[in-house]
Amino acid sequence: VQLGNIAQRSGERLETDPENGHIKNPKMWLDKAPTFFINFLEYISSPEHPAPLDFFSWHSYSDVGEIEKQHDYCRKYLKKYGFGTVDDFLNEWDPAHDMKLRNSSFSSANVLAVMLAMQKKETAMMNYYDARIGTSDYSGLFDPNTTYPCKAYFSMMSFNQLYKLKNEGMTACDYENVYAGAAADGDKAVLLIANINNSAVEAELDIKGFDAESAEILLINDIYHYTPCGRELAGNKLVLDGNTCAEIRFSRKI
């Protein structure tokens, strides 16, 4: 079932979910979507109308924090009605769906932040919308005037470094609006950090298993286009400007 396409057919507007922290009905979800979602699951899980559910797909053009809440909302009710093993697909998303943001560091930082946040969630697959070379607000990976990649494209290239290393490393972050993810394979490891604050953050890193002195740091922001910045992890600290992505590559174990 595609929630967005059928949400208009049923129910009253559900302003908040009283059982899940009063999550507001997100602006980019159609007015009746949460009500239809719950009523639909209740219907197909009832003894009178049992029906299989192969997958559940959803869209969100919200910011990363709201996308995380929407994920939790979907998973909660899938589990509640007996569909806890069903995959969910976030098959349209873009936290910077505005032509004015197309090639901005805001776009690259927030796109990477969504991927890093959702890597720690249960969603089985995500599909960024979209990769056309066009003038739509939703075409955020390529500049239609030059056909050159935009900054968000390099965020995806950076996340691919984790995918290629295969083995996810444990990461946790206690800085507000800063997201992290890591992966390793043999003597190589990569740590990604996305700072979606508008101001700089001095991050103090606690790195285990790899030599910080071997690190090479690449940045994506208004100055760097996924290029080495020449900085070192002095004292395991790294200053990240606002709306900045960092890719830290390690080449030696300790």
Protein backbone atom coordinates (compact mmCIF):
# COMPACT_ATOMS: atom_id res chain seq x y z
CA VAL A 1 0.00 0.00 0.00
CA GLN A 2 1.20 3.48 -0.84
CA LEU A 3 0.00 5.63 2.02
CA GLY A 4 0.14 8.97 0.26
CA ASN A 5 -1.82 7.86 -2.78
CA ILE A 6 -4.84 6.47 -0.94
CA ALA A 7 -4.96 8.59 2.17
CA GLN A 8 -7.65 10.91 0.86
CA ARG A 9 -10.29 8.20 0.78
CA SER A 10 -11.06 7.73 4.45
CA GLY A 11 -11.37 9.18 7.92
CA GLU A 12 -11.19 12.38 9.87
CA ARG A 13 -7.98 14.33 10.33
CA LEU A 14 -5.91 12.93 13.20
CA GLU A 15 -4.12 15.97 14.62
CA THR A 16 -1.79 14.02 16.90
CA ASP A 17 -1.06 10.48 17.94
CA PRO A 18 -1.92 10.37 21.66
CA GLU A 19 -0.11 7.06 22.14
CA ASN A 20 3.19 8.13 20.61
CA GLY A 21 4.29 11.36 22.20
CA HIS A 22 1.63 13.43 20.44
CA ILE A 23 3.53 13.45 17.17
CA LYS A 24 1.92 16.07 14.99
CA ASN A 25 0.45 15.09 11.67
CA PRO A 26 3.39 16.13 9.46
CA LYS A 27 2.80 18.96 7.01
CA MET A 28 3.93 16.92 4.01
CA TRP A 29 1.63 14.01 4.89
CA LEU A 30 -1.86 14.42 3.52
CA ASP A 31 -4.39 15.51 6.12
CA LYS A 32 -6.09 12.14 6.50
CA ALA A 33 -3.07 9.88 6.11
CA PRO A 34 -2.51 8.85 9.76
CA THR A 35 -6.19 8.07 10.28
CA PHE A 36 -6.36 6.03 7.09
CA PHE A 37 -3.13 4.21 7.99
CA ILE A 38 -4.44 3.06 11.38
CA ASN A 39 -7.92 2.21 10.08
CA PHE A 40 -6.42 0.26 7.18
CA LEU A 41 -4.16 -1.83 9.43
CA GLU A 42 -7.03 -2.47 11.81
CA TYR A 43 -9.22 -3.63 8.92
CA ILE A 44 -6.73 -6.04 7.27
CA SER A 45 -5.69 -7.53 10.61
CA SER A 46 -9.23 -8.25 11.75
CA PRO A 47 -10.58 -11.84 11.77
CA GLU A 48 -13.32 -10.73 9.37
CA HIS A 49 -10.96 -9.27 6.73
CA PRO A 50 -7.55 -10.94 7.05
CA ALA A 51 -5.15 -9.89 4.32
CA PRO A 52 -1.39 -10.15 3.80
CA LEU A 53 0.81 -7.06 3.67
CA ASP A 54 3.93 -7.52 1.56
CA PHE A 55 5.47 -4.13 2.35
CA PHE A 56 4.57 -0.64 3.49
CA SER A 57 5.86 2.43 1.69
CA TRP A 58 5.80 6.03 2.81
CA HIS A 59 7.04 9.47 1.73
CA SER A 60 8.48 12.35 3.73
CA TYR A 61 9.89 15.73 2.80
CA SER A 62 10.35 16.71 6.43
CA ASP A 63 13.60 17.44 8.25
CA VAL A 64 15.67 14.62 9.69
CA GLY A 65 14.19 14.80 13.18
CA GLU A 66 10.63 14.57 11.87
CA ILE A 67 11.55 11.74 9.51
CA GLU A 68 12.84 9.78 12.50
CA LYS A 69 9.55 10.38 14.34
CA GLN A 70 7.53 9.36 11.30
CA HIS A 71 9.55 6.15 11.04
CA ASP A 72 8.83 5.38 14.70
CA TYR A 73 5.13 6.11 14.10
CA CYS A 74 4.94 3.70 11.15
CA ARG A 75 6.86 0.93 12.88
CA LYS A 76 4.82 1.25 16.06
CA TYR A 77 1.51 0.65 14.31
CA LEU A 78 2.83 -2.02 11.96
CA LYS A 79 3.92 -3.96 15.06
CA LYS A 80 0.72 -3.21 16.95
CA TYR A 81 -1.44 -4.78 14.25
CA GLY A 82 0.75 -7.84 13.67
CA PHE A 83 2.90 -6.62 10.77
CA GLY A 84 6.14 -6.15 12.68
CA THR A 85 8.13 -8.26 10.20
CA VAL A 86 6.87 -6.33 7.16
CA ASP A 87 9.49 -4.13 5.46
CA ASP A 88 8.84 -0.44 5.19
CA PHE A 89 10.28 1.64 2.35
CA LEU A 90 10.82 5.39 2.53
CA ASN A 91 10.59 5.68 -1.23
CA GLU A 92 10.43 9.47 -1.53
CA TRP A 93 12.48 11.78 0.65
CA ASP A 94 14.43 15.02 0.45
CA PRO A 95 14.91 17.39 3.41
CA ALA A 96 15.92 20.27 1.07
CA HIS A 97 13.21 20.20 -1.62
CA ASP A 98 13.61 23.81 -2.70
CA MET A 99 15.29 25.02 -5.88
CA LYS A 100 17.04 27.76 -3.90
CA LEU A 101 18.73 25.05 -1.80
CA ARG A 102 19.71 22.83 -4.73
CA ASN A 103 23.48 23.27 -4.51
CA SER A 104 23.71 24.43 -0.90
CA SER A 105 25.68 23.05 2.00
CA PHE A 106 22.34 22.89 3.84
CA SER A 107 21.20 20.30 1.29
CA SER A 108 24.34 18.17 1.46
CA ALA A 109 24.48 18.18 5.27
CA ASN A 110 20.81 17.35 5.71
CA VAL A 111 20.79 14.63 3.03
CA LEU A 112 23.73 12.92 4.73
CA ALA A 113 22.12 13.39 8.15
CA VAL A 114 18.95 11.62 7.00
CA MET A 115 20.95 8.66 5.69
CA LEU A 116 23.04 8.41 8.87
CA ALA A 117 19.98 8.66 11.10
CA MET A 118 17.94 6.13 9.15
CA GLN A 119 20.82 3.64 9.02
CA LYS A 120 20.07 3.12 12.71
CA LYS A 121 16.34 2.61 12.09
CA GLU A 122 14.37 -0.38 10.77
CA THR A 123 13.43 1.03 7.35
CA ALA A 124 14.54 -1.50 4.74
CA MET A 125 15.16 0.86 1.83
CA MET A 126 15.25 4.58 1.05
CA ASN A 127 14.85 6.25 -2.35
CA TYR A 128 15.88 9.88 -2.65
CA TYR A 129 13.54 11.89 -4.87
CA ASP A 130 14.98 12.51 -7.32
CA ALA A 131 18.02 12.28 -9.60
CA ARG A 132 16.62 13.93 -12.72
CA ILE A 133 18.59 16.73 -14.36
CA GLY A 134 15.61 19.07 -14.30
CA THR A 135 14.19 22.29 -12.92
CA SER A 136 11.87 20.69 -10.37
CA ASP A 137 12.27 21.57 -6.69
CA TYR A 138 12.70 17.83 -6.14
CA SER A 139 15.66 17.37 -8.50
CA GLY A 140 18.45 18.02 -6.06
CA LEU A 141 21.45 16.03 -7.27
CA PHE A 142 22.38 17.78 -10.51
CA ASP A 143 22.47 21.40 -11.66
CA PRO A 144 20.16 21.60 -14.72
CA ASN A 145 22.13 24.53 -16.16
CA THR A 146 25.55 22.85 -16.08
CA THR A 147 24.60 19.16 -15.54
CA TYR A 148 27.32 19.10 -12.87
CA PRO A 149 26.66 17.27 -9.59
CA CYS A 150 25.33 19.30 -6.68
CA LYS A 151 26.67 19.05 -3.14
CA ALA A 152 24.05 16.48 -2.08
CA TYR A 153 25.41 14.15 -4.78
CA PHE A 154 28.73 14.09 -2.93
CA SER A 155 26.93 13.28 0.32
CA MET A 156 25.67 10.14 -1.40
CA MET A 157 29.17 9.34 -2.66
CA SER A 158 30.42 9.69 0.90
CA PHE A 159 27.73 7.40 2.34
CA ASN A 160 28.70 4.86 -0.32
CA GLN A 161 32.10 4.58 1.38
CA LEU A 162 30.33 3.04 4.36
CA TYR A 163 28.37 0.70 2.10
CA LYS A 164 31.54 -0.55 0.39
CA LEU A 165 33.22 -1.33 3.71
CA LYS A 166 30.22 -3.56 4.61
CA ASN A 167 30.80 -3.78 8.38
CA GLU A 168 28.99 -1.07 10.32
CA GLY A 169 30.83 0.32 13.33
CA MET A 170 29.11 1.48 16.49
CA THR A 171 28.60 5.23 16.67
CA ALA A 172 26.83 7.48 19.14
CA CYS A 173 26.65 11.25 19.20
CA ASP A 174 25.65 13.56 22.03
CA TYR A 175 25.82 16.81 20.06
CA GLU A 176 22.47 18.30 19.08
CA ASN A 177 21.79 18.17 15.34
CA VAL A 178 25.00 16.26 14.63
CA TYR A 179 24.80 12.76 13.13
CA ALA A 180 27.47 10.08 12.72
CA GLY A 181 28.03 6.71 11.10
CA ALA A 182 31.01 4.43 10.58
CA ALA A 183 32.15 1.24 8.86
CA ALA A 184 35.34 -0.80 8.69
CA ASP A 185 36.95 -3.62 6.73
CA GLY A 186 40.40 -4.89 7.63
CA ASP A 187 42.79 -1.98 8.13
CA LYS A 188 40.43 0.57 6.59
CA ALA A 189 37.67 2.49 8.31
CA VAL A 190 35.53 5.52 7.56
CA LEU A 191 33.69 7.82 9.97
CA LEU A 192 31.05 10.20 8.61
CA ILE A 193 29.74 13.22 10.50
CA ALA A 194 27.00 15.63 9.42
CA ASN A 195 26.56 18.91 11.30
CA ILE A 196 23.18 20.39 10.34
CA ASN A 197 23.45 23.28 12.77
CA ASN A 198 23.91 26.70 11.20
CA SER A 199 26.83 27.32 13.54
CA ALA A 200 30.14 25.54 14.03
CA VAL A 201 30.55 22.61 16.42
CA GLU A 202 33.81 21.50 18.01
CA ALA A 203 33.48 17.74 18.08
CA GLU A 204 35.55 15.71 20.48
CA LEU A 205 35.93 12.22 19.05
CA ASP A 206 36.43 9.01 21.00
CA ILE A 207 37.91 6.69 18.37
CA LYS A 208 38.64 3.08 19.25
CA GLY A 209 40.50 0.55 17.12
CA PHE A 210 42.06 2.90 14.55
CA ASP A 211 44.96 5.33 14.59
CA ALA A 212 43.73 8.94 14.50
CA GLU A 213 47.12 10.09 13.20
CA SER A 214 46.49 8.16 9.99
CA ALA A 215 43.24 9.98 9.32
CA GLU A 216 42.51 11.91 6.15
CA ILE A 217 39.62 14.37 6.40
CA LEU A 218 37.40 15.32 3.47
CA LEU A 219 34.71 17.99 3.79
CA ILE A 220 31.54 18.98 1.94
CA ASN A 221 30.36 22.55 2.54
CA ASP A 222 30.46 25.97 0.92
CA ILE A 223 34.25 25.78 0.56
CA TYR A 224 35.02 22.10 -0.01
CA HIS A 225 33.37 19.87 -2.61
CA TYR A 226 34.16 16.45 -1.15
CA THR A 227 37.85 17.27 -1.08
CA PRO A 228 40.65 16.88 1.50
CA CYS A 229 40.81 19.84 3.84
CA GLY A 230 44.36 19.33 5.12
CA ARG A 231 43.26 19.25 8.76
CA GLU A 232 44.40 16.76 11.36
CA LEU A 233 42.61 15.24 14.33
CA ALA A 234 44.63 17.17 16.88
CA GLY A 235 43.74 15.75 20.25
CA ASN A 236 40.90 13.85 18.56
CA LYS A 237 39.07 17.15 18.10
CA LEU A 238 37.56 18.49 14.91
CA VAL A 239 35.81 21.81 14.32
CA LEU A 240 32.92 21.41 11.88
CA ASP A 241 31.45 24.55 10.39
CA GLY A 242 27.69 24.87 10.17
CA ASN A 243 26.01 22.68 7.53
CA THR A 244 29.13 20.63 6.96
CA CYS A 245 29.77 16.96 6.14
CA ALA A 246 33.03 15.32 7.17
CA GLU A 247 34.41 12.03 5.92
CA ILE A 248 37.31 10.77 8.03
CA ARG A 249 39.31 7.93 6.51
CA PHE A 250 41.51 5.70 8.67
CA SER A 251 44.18 3.41 7.22
CA ARG A 252 45.83 1.86 10.29
CA LYS A 253 44.53 -0.21 13.16
CA ILE A 254 45.91 0.12 16.67
